[in-house]
Amino acid sequence: MASYDQLPHGSSLDISRFSVKVPEIDLNDLRTLLRLSKLGPKTYENMRSDGKYGVSYEWMSNAKAYWQNSFNWHSVEDRINSLPNFIVQVVDDDGETYPIHFLGLFSNKPNATPLMCIHGWPGSFLEFIDVLLTLRGKYTPDELPYHVVVPSLPGYAFSATPPLDRNWKLEDSARLLHKLMVGLGFEAGYVLQGGDIGSYTARIMASFYDSCKALHLNFCVIPCPNRGVHGDLPIEDFEKEGLQRGNDFAQFGTAYAVEHATRTATIGFTLSSSPLALLAWIGEKFLAWTDETPSLDQILESVTLYWLTETFARAIYPYRQELVESSSKEWTDEDYFSVFQQGPERYMTHNDHNYYCRKPMGYSWFPKEIAPVPKSWAATTGNLRWFRRHDKGGHFAAMEQPHALLQDIEDFISEIPFENR
């Protein structure tokens, strides 16, 4: 009987099947910590229900009780293990070996298109489970048009921790994931899909490696392109609403990113010490960055995965690249008059001309993305060949709108030239 776990011919990596089984003692410890953790006092800020100042006392209280007494992690494990999981030993250029976890659906078709889908923060491979289940329900292994690989980024879930003796950057993660695809036998060509940090990683891969033949994004945040170069680019009315949302996020929703970038160690210790603290920090993002509020189970799946795998402290390294460090130049008299006038300068991977995507690029626009940019803006970052606007969906597109995102990916791949087909 055909199955989805048969590795492609040409695979050269040390790959093992993997299943998730958390020791019961770890689950008992989690419940004990939840029982012993107390909520902070009621305040003006946490008694509000609009989320302006973060999660509410009511939501946290209900979530704590449900997590402690009713949440079923074993059902999450069953769902994860219903799909083929693998651990692959990826050898980096310096000879170091990094175990990388991924979900995979492999086709028996000789001309199947290799596709890698890359998650972001505070997401994980869990975001793509419904996409994979939809594919499995739609195609048999003999019919599946794709080899689908959903990795856990370095530092996330069951993948290796970045090195302890040097800084790890997006380019390093991109290099490992490229080696993964090449080692699976896909050096002739593969397609990438990404959101959030996954979109940065995918763009870097598309720019660096000839094996990447096309790039699909559902996140492409950039500032207004240089008007001296591009002129006044067209902005549709619905896109103006998205820019207003993005501006609000930039002003009032990015403090977490500054903390991740500048005090990585401190926030790592803080949120690794209490599951309740981790719930507040991550749960807020799932509430604020989505269109329709996810179920409590969906949120707790992700938070529990982060807790049990100690993901948080290992995973926030990419944020350092979002802030441009101050130069050590000599101050002038004028510099003293401009102190405190603005926050840190931001670097955006999608706005880096070094990572302009010359491969065919697709962009899916979701209205409740944290910063959805106009089609015309996204087109300045690459060879935009495909675009689709959606009426609903937010930052976690694969989780929120798995059928819509999958349709986008399939339509994009079908409408672009690809050498392997």
Protein backbone atom coordinates (compact mmCIF):
# COMPACT_ATOMS: atom_id res chain seq x y z
CA MET A 1 0.00 0.00 0.00
CA ALA A 2 1.36 3.40 -1.01
CA SER A 3 2.25 5.80 1.78
CA TYR A 4 3.35 9.41 2.12
CA ASP A 5 6.53 8.66 4.05
CA GLN A 6 8.61 7.15 1.26
CA LEU A 7 11.65 9.40 0.87
CA PRO A 8 12.40 10.52 -2.68
CA HIS A 9 15.04 8.74 -4.72
CA GLY A 10 18.27 10.66 -4.42
CA SER A 11 17.90 11.48 -0.74
CA SER A 12 21.37 11.50 0.80
CA LEU A 13 20.74 12.63 4.37
CA ASP A 14 20.72 10.72 7.64
CA ILE A 15 16.96 10.74 8.26
CA SER A 16 14.96 8.98 10.97
CA ARG A 17 11.23 8.63 11.50
CA PHE A 18 10.10 10.51 14.59
CA SER A 19 7.02 10.53 16.79
CA VAL A 20 6.07 12.95 19.53
CA LYS A 21 5.67 11.40 22.97
CA VAL A 22 6.10 13.73 25.93
CA PRO A 23 6.88 11.93 29.20
CA GLU A 24 3.94 11.95 31.58
CA ILE A 25 6.12 13.44 34.31
CA ASP A 26 6.61 16.55 32.17
CA LEU A 27 2.86 16.94 31.73
CA ASN A 28 2.32 16.48 35.46
CA ASP A 29 4.98 19.10 36.17
CA LEU A 30 3.22 21.51 33.82
CA ARG A 31 -0.09 21.03 35.61
CA THR A 32 1.63 21.48 38.98
CA LEU A 33 3.25 24.73 37.86
CA LEU A 34 -0.09 25.98 36.61
CA ARG A 35 -1.74 25.08 39.91
CA LEU A 36 0.95 26.90 41.89
CA SER A 37 1.07 29.94 39.61
CA LYS A 38 -1.14 32.85 40.50
CA LEU A 39 -2.54 35.56 38.30
CA GLY A 40 -1.51 39.10 39.00
CA PRO A 41 -4.03 41.40 40.69
CA LYS A 42 -6.94 42.90 38.85
CA THR A 43 -6.06 46.27 37.35
CA TYR A 44 -7.65 48.92 35.20
CA GLU A 45 -5.63 47.63 32.25
CA ASN A 46 -6.48 43.94 32.55
CA MET A 47 -10.16 44.53 33.31
CA ARG A 48 -10.65 45.89 29.79
CA SER A 49 -12.00 43.51 27.17
CA ASP A 50 -10.76 45.35 24.07
CA GLY A 51 -7.17 44.14 24.27
CA LYS A 52 -5.76 47.67 24.17
CA TYR A 53 -3.36 46.94 27.01
CA GLY A 54 -2.96 43.21 26.39
CA VAL A 55 -4.78 40.11 27.58
CA SER A 56 -7.64 40.48 30.03
CA TYR A 57 -7.91 39.07 33.53
CA GLU A 58 -11.03 37.14 32.51
CA TRP A 59 -9.34 35.49 29.53
CA MET A 60 -6.23 34.57 31.51
CA SER A 61 -8.28 33.18 34.38
CA ASN A 62 -10.39 31.00 32.09
CA ALA A 63 -7.38 29.88 30.06
CA LYS A 64 -5.42 28.95 33.19
CA ALA A 65 -8.26 26.84 34.55
CA TYR A 66 -8.85 25.07 31.25
CA TRP A 67 -5.15 24.44 30.65
CA GLN A 68 -4.68 23.02 34.13
CA ASN A 69 -7.79 20.86 34.31
CA SER A 70 -9.11 20.04 30.84
CA PHE A 71 -6.60 20.54 28.05
CA ASN A 72 -5.62 17.25 26.40
CA TRP A 73 -2.06 17.25 25.09
CA HIS A 74 -2.30 13.59 24.09
CA SER A 75 -4.86 14.47 21.40
CA VAL A 76 -2.37 16.99 20.02
CA GLU A 77 0.30 14.30 19.91
CA ASP A 78 -2.09 11.99 18.08
CA ARG A 79 -2.77 14.69 15.50
CA ILE A 80 0.92 15.41 14.99
CA ASN A 81 1.79 11.72 14.76
CA SER A 82 -0.97 11.09 12.22
CA LEU A 83 1.41 12.70 9.73
CA PRO A 84 4.93 11.52 8.87
CA ASN A 85 7.49 13.19 11.13
CA PHE A 86 11.23 13.06 10.60
CA ILE A 87 14.48 14.14 12.22
CA VAL A 88 17.26 14.82 9.73
CA GLN A 89 20.93 15.37 10.55
CA VAL A 90 22.01 18.41 8.53
CA VAL A 91 25.76 18.98 8.33
CA ASP A 92 26.64 22.67 8.05
CA ASP A 93 29.58 24.17 6.17
CA ASP A 94 31.73 24.18 9.31
CA GLY A 95 31.16 20.47 9.90
CA GLU A 96 28.68 20.92 12.75
CA THR A 97 25.61 18.69 12.61
CA TYR A 98 22.16 20.07 13.40
CA PRO A 99 19.15 17.79 13.94
CA ILE A 100 16.19 19.38 12.15
CA HIS A 101 12.60 18.24 12.60
CA PHE A 102 10.11 18.30 9.76
CA LEU A 103 6.73 17.01 8.69
CA GLY A 104 6.69 15.53 5.21
CA LEU A 105 4.22 14.30 2.63
CA PHE A 106 6.13 12.66 -0.22
CA SER A 107 4.62 11.82 -3.58
CA ASN A 108 5.18 8.78 -5.75
CA LYS A 109 4.92 10.94 -8.88
CA PRO A 110 8.31 11.28 -10.59
CA ASN A 111 7.60 14.89 -11.57
CA ALA A 112 6.15 16.08 -8.24
CA THR A 113 7.08 19.65 -7.29
CA PRO A 114 9.13 19.95 -4.08
CA LEU A 115 7.54 22.51 -1.76
CA MET A 116 8.79 23.80 1.59
CA CYS A 117 6.44 25.76 3.89
CA ILE A 118 8.15 27.75 6.65
CA HIS A 119 6.48 28.98 9.85
CA GLY A 120 7.27 32.04 11.96
CA TRP A 121 6.97 33.25 15.57
CA PRO A 122 5.03 32.52 17.76
CA GLY A 123 4.00 29.80 15.39
CA SER A 124 5.49 26.43 14.59
CA PHE A 125 5.00 23.48 12.29
CA LEU A 126 1.57 23.13 13.94
CA GLU A 127 0.31 25.98 11.75
CA PHE A 128 0.52 23.79 8.64
CA ILE A 129 -1.06 20.61 9.97
CA ASP A 130 -4.49 21.40 8.50
CA VAL A 131 -2.85 22.21 5.16
CA LEU A 132 -1.15 18.82 5.19
CA LEU A 133 -4.30 17.01 6.26
CA THR A 134 -6.21 18.71 3.45
CA LEU A 135 -3.60 17.57 0.93
CA ARG A 136 -3.75 14.04 2.31
CA GLY A 137 -7.52 14.01 1.96
CA LYS A 138 -7.37 15.40 -1.57
CA TYR A 139 -4.62 13.24 -3.08
CA THR A 140 -3.33 9.71 -2.73
CA PRO A 141 0.47 9.28 -2.64
CA ASP A 142 0.28 8.32 -6.33
CA GLU A 143 -1.67 11.51 -7.14
CA LEU A 144 0.02 14.06 -4.87
CA PRO A 145 1.54 16.76 -7.14
CA TYR A 146 4.06 17.87 -4.50
CA HIS A 147 6.70 16.70 -2.10
CA VAL A 148 5.75 18.83 0.92
CA VAL A 149 8.29 19.61 3.65
CA VAL A 150 7.30 21.60 6.76
CA PRO A 151 10.38 22.12 8.93
CA SER A 152 10.74 23.39 12.46
CA LEU A 153 13.15 26.31 12.21
CA PRO A 154 16.38 25.98 14.21
CA GLY A 155 15.55 26.68 17.85
CA TYR A 156 11.90 25.74 17.45
CA ALA A 157 10.13 22.64 18.77
CA PHE A 158 12.17 19.51 18.05
CA SER A 159 14.91 21.14 15.97
CA ALA A 160 18.40 21.87 17.25
CA THR A 161 19.27 24.88 19.37
CA PRO A 162 21.44 27.47 17.58
CA PRO A 163 25.12 27.47 18.63
CA LEU A 164 26.00 28.78 22.08
CA ASP A 165 29.30 30.36 21.02
CA ARG A 166 28.23 32.64 18.17
CA ASN A 167 25.34 34.68 16.85
CA TRP A 168 22.87 32.82 14.65
CA LYS A 169 21.12 34.73 11.89
CA LEU A 170 18.34 34.23 9.38
CA GLU A 171 20.97 33.49 6.75
CA ASP A 172 22.20 30.57 8.86
CA SER A 173 18.72 29.08 9.12
CA ALA A 174 18.23 29.62 5.39
CA ARG A 175 21.45 27.74 4.66
CA LEU A 176 20.41 24.74 6.79
CA LEU A 177 16.97 24.54 5.21
CA HIS A 178 18.50 24.71 1.73
CA LYS A 179 20.85 21.88 2.67
CA LEU A 180 17.81 19.94 3.88
CA MET A 181 16.07 20.32 0.52
CA VAL A 182 19.20 19.47 -1.45
CA GLY A 183 19.83 16.46 0.78
CA LEU A 184 16.30 15.23 0.09
CA GLY A 185 17.21 15.16 -3.59
CA PHE A 186 15.62 18.46 -4.62
CA GLU A 187 18.69 20.33 -5.84
CA ALA A 188 17.15 20.57 -9.32
CA GLY A 189 14.45 22.83 -7.98
CA TYR A 190 11.98 23.58 -5.22
CA VAL A 191 9.30 26.15 -4.33
CA LEU A 192 9.12 28.05 -1.03
CA GLN A 193 6.20 29.39 0.98
CA GLY A 194 6.55 31.50 4.10
CA GLY A 195 4.90 33.83 6.57
CA ASP A 196 6.35 35.97 9.36
CA ILE A 197 9.96 34.92 10.11
CA GLY A 198 9.42 32.09 7.64
CA SER A 199 8.90 34.68 4.92
CA TYR A 200 12.27 36.28 5.73
CA THR A 201 13.99 32.90 5.67
CA ALA A 202 12.29 31.93 2.41
CA ARG A 203 13.21 35.22 0.72
CA ILE A 204 16.86 34.77 1.67
CA MET A 205 16.82 31.23 0.30
CA ALA A 206 15.21 32.44 -2.93
CA SER A 207 17.91 35.09 -3.31
CA PHE A 208 20.93 32.94 -2.43
CA TYR A 209 20.17 29.58 -3.99
CA ASP A 210 19.50 28.74 -7.63
CA SER A 211 17.64 25.61 -6.55
CA CYS A 212 14.78 27.78 -5.32
CA LYS A 213 12.66 28.36 -8.41
CA ALA A 214 9.73 30.32 -6.97
CA LEU A 215 8.63 32.09 -3.78
CA HIS A 216 5.13 32.52 -2.33
CA LEU A 217 4.57 34.85 0.64
CA ASN A 218 1.67 35.80 2.87
CA PHE A 219 3.79 38.37 4.73
CA CYS A 220 5.84 41.08 3.03
CA VAL A 221 6.06 44.02 5.44
CA ILE A 222 8.06 47.00 4.13
CA PRO A 223 7.84 50.79 4.52
CA CYS A 224 6.57 52.89 1.63
CA PRO A 225 8.93 52.29 -1.31
CA ASN A 226 11.16 55.22 -2.28
CA ARG A 227 8.86 57.65 -4.08
CA GLY A 228 11.82 59.22 -5.85
CA VAL A 229 12.45 55.86 -7.50
CA HIS A 230 8.99 54.33 -7.80
CA GLY A 231 6.74 57.40 -7.85
CA ASP A 232 3.35 57.33 -6.14
CA LEU A 233 2.41 53.68 -6.34
CA PRO A 234 -1.31 52.84 -6.56
CA ILE A 235 -3.07 51.94 -3.32
CA GLU A 236 -6.57 50.44 -3.42
CA ASP A 237 -9.11 51.40 -0.76
CA PHE A 238 -8.95 47.98 0.91
CA GLU A 239 -5.16 48.28 0.98
CA LYS A 240 -5.43 51.64 2.72
CA GLU A 241 -7.29 49.92 5.54
CA GLY A 242 -4.45 47.41 5.75
CA LEU A 243 -1.88 50.22 5.96
CA GLN A 244 -3.83 51.85 8.78
CA ARG A 245 -3.74 48.52 10.60
CA GLY A 246 -0.01 48.23 9.94
CA ASN A 247 0.63 51.75 11.21
CA ASP A 248 -1.28 51.01 14.41
CA PHE A 249 0.79 47.86 14.86
CA ALA A 250 4.04 49.76 14.30
CA GLN A 251 3.11 52.36 16.92
CA PHE A 252 1.48 50.24 19.59
CA GLY A 253 2.18 46.58 18.86
CA THR A 254 5.92 46.14 18.50
CA ALA A 255 7.24 46.52 22.05
CA TYR A 256 7.54 42.73 22.26
CA ALA A 257 9.90 42.73 19.26
CA VAL A 258 12.16 45.36 20.81
CA GLU A 259 12.35 43.26 23.98
CA HIS A 260 13.14 40.14 21.94
CA ALA A 261 15.86 41.98 20.05
CA THR A 262 17.53 43.92 22.85
CA ARG A 263 17.04 41.83 25.99
CA THR A 264 16.84 38.37 24.49
CA ALA A 265 18.38 36.65 27.49
CA THR A 266 16.19 38.43 30.04
CA ILE A 267 12.85 37.73 28.38
CA GLY A 268 14.05 34.19 27.66
CA PHE A 269 14.61 33.51 31.36
CA THR A 270 11.37 35.26 32.31
CA LEU A 271 9.09 33.25 30.05
CA SER A 272 10.94 29.98 30.64
CA SER A 273 10.20 30.20 34.35
CA SER A 274 6.41 30.12 34.23
CA PRO A 275 3.93 28.55 31.80
CA LEU A 276 1.39 31.18 32.83
CA ALA A 277 3.76 33.98 31.84
CA LEU A 278 4.39 32.26 28.52
CA LEU A 279 0.64 31.98 27.96
CA ALA A 280 0.15 35.71 28.50
CA TRP A 281 3.00 36.66 26.15
CA ILE A 282 2.10 34.30 23.32
CA GLY A 283 -1.65 34.10 23.85
CA GLU A 284 -1.91 37.85 23.35
CA LYS A 285 -0.46 37.48 19.83
CA PHE A 286 -2.94 34.80 18.84
CA LEU A 287 -5.77 37.03 20.04
CA ALA A 288 -4.52 40.27 18.48
CA TRP A 289 -3.06 39.03 15.20
CA THR A 290 -5.94 36.89 13.96
CA ASP A 291 -9.18 37.69 12.17
CA GLU A 292 -11.50 35.32 14.00
CA THR A 293 -10.30 34.45 17.50
CA PRO A 294 -8.80 30.94 17.53
CA SER A 295 -10.22 28.37 19.89
CA LEU A 296 -8.56 28.12 23.28
CA ASP A 297 -7.39 24.64 22.32
CA GLN A 298 -5.60 26.03 19.26
CA ILE A 299 -3.80 28.62 21.34
CA LEU A 300 -2.89 26.16 24.07
CA GLU A 301 -1.53 23.67 21.53
CA SER A 302 1.09 26.20 20.50
CA VAL A 303 1.87 27.47 23.99
CA THR A 304 2.16 23.92 25.33
CA LEU A 305 4.49 22.92 22.49
CA TYR A 306 6.67 25.94 23.25
CA TRP A 307 6.72 25.08 26.95
CA LEU A 308 7.44 21.37 26.63
CA THR A 309 10.21 21.90 24.07
CA GLU A 310 11.68 25.02 25.71
CA THR A 311 11.23 26.82 22.42
CA PHE A 312 10.78 30.44 23.45
CA ALA A 313 14.29 31.31 24.64
CA ARG A 314 15.85 29.35 21.76
CA ALA A 315 13.68 30.87 19.05
CA ILE A 316 13.73 34.67 19.30
CA TYR A 317 17.21 35.23 17.86
CA PRO A 318 15.86 36.56 14.50
CA TYR A 319 14.58 39.73 16.16
CA ARG A 320 18.11 41.08 16.60
CA GLN A 321 18.25 41.56 12.84
CA GLU A 322 15.15 43.75 12.90
CA LEU A 323 16.90 46.51 14.82
CA VAL A 324 19.84 48.41 13.38
CA GLU A 325 22.51 48.86 16.03
CA SER A 326 23.72 52.41 16.62
CA SER A 327 27.02 53.25 15.01
CA SER A 328 30.00 54.17 17.14
CA LYS A 329 30.68 57.41 15.24
CA GLU A 330 31.75 60.55 17.06
CA TRP A 331 28.86 62.69 18.15
CA THR A 332 28.39 66.15 16.68
CA ASP A 333 26.73 69.08 18.43
CA GLU A 334 23.64 68.45 16.29
CA ASP A 335 23.32 64.88 17.59
CA TYR A 336 22.66 66.16 21.11
CA PHE A 337 19.60 68.06 19.91
CA SER A 338 18.02 64.97 18.36
CA VAL A 339 18.29 62.48 21.23
CA PHE A 340 15.12 60.67 22.37
CA GLN A 341 13.21 61.77 19.26
CA GLN A 342 12.73 58.34 17.74
CA GLY A 343 12.99 54.68 18.52
CA PRO A 344 15.54 52.29 17.09
CA GLU A 345 16.00 52.17 13.34
CA ARG A 346 14.38 49.06 11.87
CA TYR A 347 15.76 46.67 9.29
CA MET A 348 13.29 44.77 7.11
CA THR A 349 14.46 41.75 5.16
CA HIS A 350 11.79 42.25 2.51
CA ASN A 351 13.11 45.77 1.90
CA ASP A 352 16.75 44.73 1.47
CA HIS A 353 17.82 45.13 -2.17
CA ASN A 354 20.27 42.26 -1.63
CA TYR A 355 17.25 40.00 -1.24
CA TYR A 356 15.25 41.23 -4.21
CA CYS A 357 13.55 38.09 -5.52
CA ARG A 358 14.27 37.57 -9.21
CA LYS A 359 12.42 34.27 -9.22
CA PRO A 360 8.65 34.22 -9.84
CA MET A 361 7.01 35.53 -6.67
CA GLY A 362 3.46 35.28 -5.38
CA TYR A 363 1.77 37.27 -2.62
CA SER A 364 -1.44 36.46 -0.74
CA TRP A 365 -3.02 39.46 0.98
CA PHE A 366 -5.01 38.84 4.17
CA PRO A 367 -6.93 41.75 5.73
CA LYS A 368 -6.09 41.09 9.39
CA GLU A 369 -2.39 40.53 8.82
CA ILE A 370 -0.44 42.70 11.27
CA ALA A 371 0.91 44.85 8.43
CA PRO A 372 -0.56 43.92 5.04
CA VAL A 373 1.13 45.99 2.34
CA PRO A 374 -0.33 46.90 -1.07
CA LYS A 375 0.32 44.74 -4.10
CA SER A 376 2.22 47.61 -5.72
CA TRP A 377 4.57 47.81 -2.74
CA ALA A 378 5.22 44.05 -2.68
CA ALA A 379 6.01 44.24 -6.40
CA THR A 380 9.02 46.45 -5.66
CA THR A 381 10.63 43.60 -3.70
CA GLY A 382 10.64 40.97 -6.42
CA ASN A 383 9.35 39.54 -9.66
CA LEU A 384 5.70 39.54 -8.56
CA ARG A 385 3.83 37.26 -10.95
CA TRP A 386 0.83 36.28 -8.88
CA PHE A 387 -1.43 38.05 -6.36
CA ARG A 388 -4.67 37.25 -4.57
CA ARG A 389 -6.70 39.30 -2.13
CA HIS A 390 -8.68 37.57 0.61
CA ASP A 391 -11.67 38.90 2.52
CA LYS A 392 -10.79 37.19 5.78
CA GLY A 393 -7.74 35.85 7.55
CA GLY A 394 -4.88 37.26 9.58
CA HIS A 395 -1.25 36.71 10.50
CA PHE A 396 -1.48 32.93 10.92
CA ALA A 397 -2.87 32.26 7.46
CA ALA A 398 -2.03 28.55 7.37
CA MET A 399 -3.82 28.00 10.69
CA GLU A 400 -6.71 30.44 10.14
CA GLN A 401 -7.43 29.80 6.46
CA PRO A 402 -5.72 26.51 5.54
CA HIS A 403 -7.95 25.76 2.55
CA ALA A 404 -7.60 29.26 1.12
CA LEU A 405 -3.83 29.34 1.58
CA LEU A 406 -3.43 25.87 0.09
CA GLN A 407 -5.51 26.91 -2.92
CA ASP A 408 -3.26 29.95 -3.32
CA ILE A 409 -0.14 27.80 -3.22
CA GLU A 410 -1.55 25.32 -5.72
CA ASP A 411 -2.74 28.05 -8.09
CA PHE A 412 0.58 29.87 -7.85
CA ILE A 413 2.58 26.74 -8.62
CA SER A 414 0.29 25.82 -11.52
CA GLU A 415 0.61 29.26 -13.10
CA ILE A 416 4.40 29.63 -13.02
CA PRO A 417 7.01 27.88 -15.16
CA PHE A 418 8.84 25.20 -13.25
CA GLU A 419 11.59 23.13 -14.80
CA ASN A 420 10.83 19.82 -13.03
CA ARG A 421 7.25 19.55 -14.26
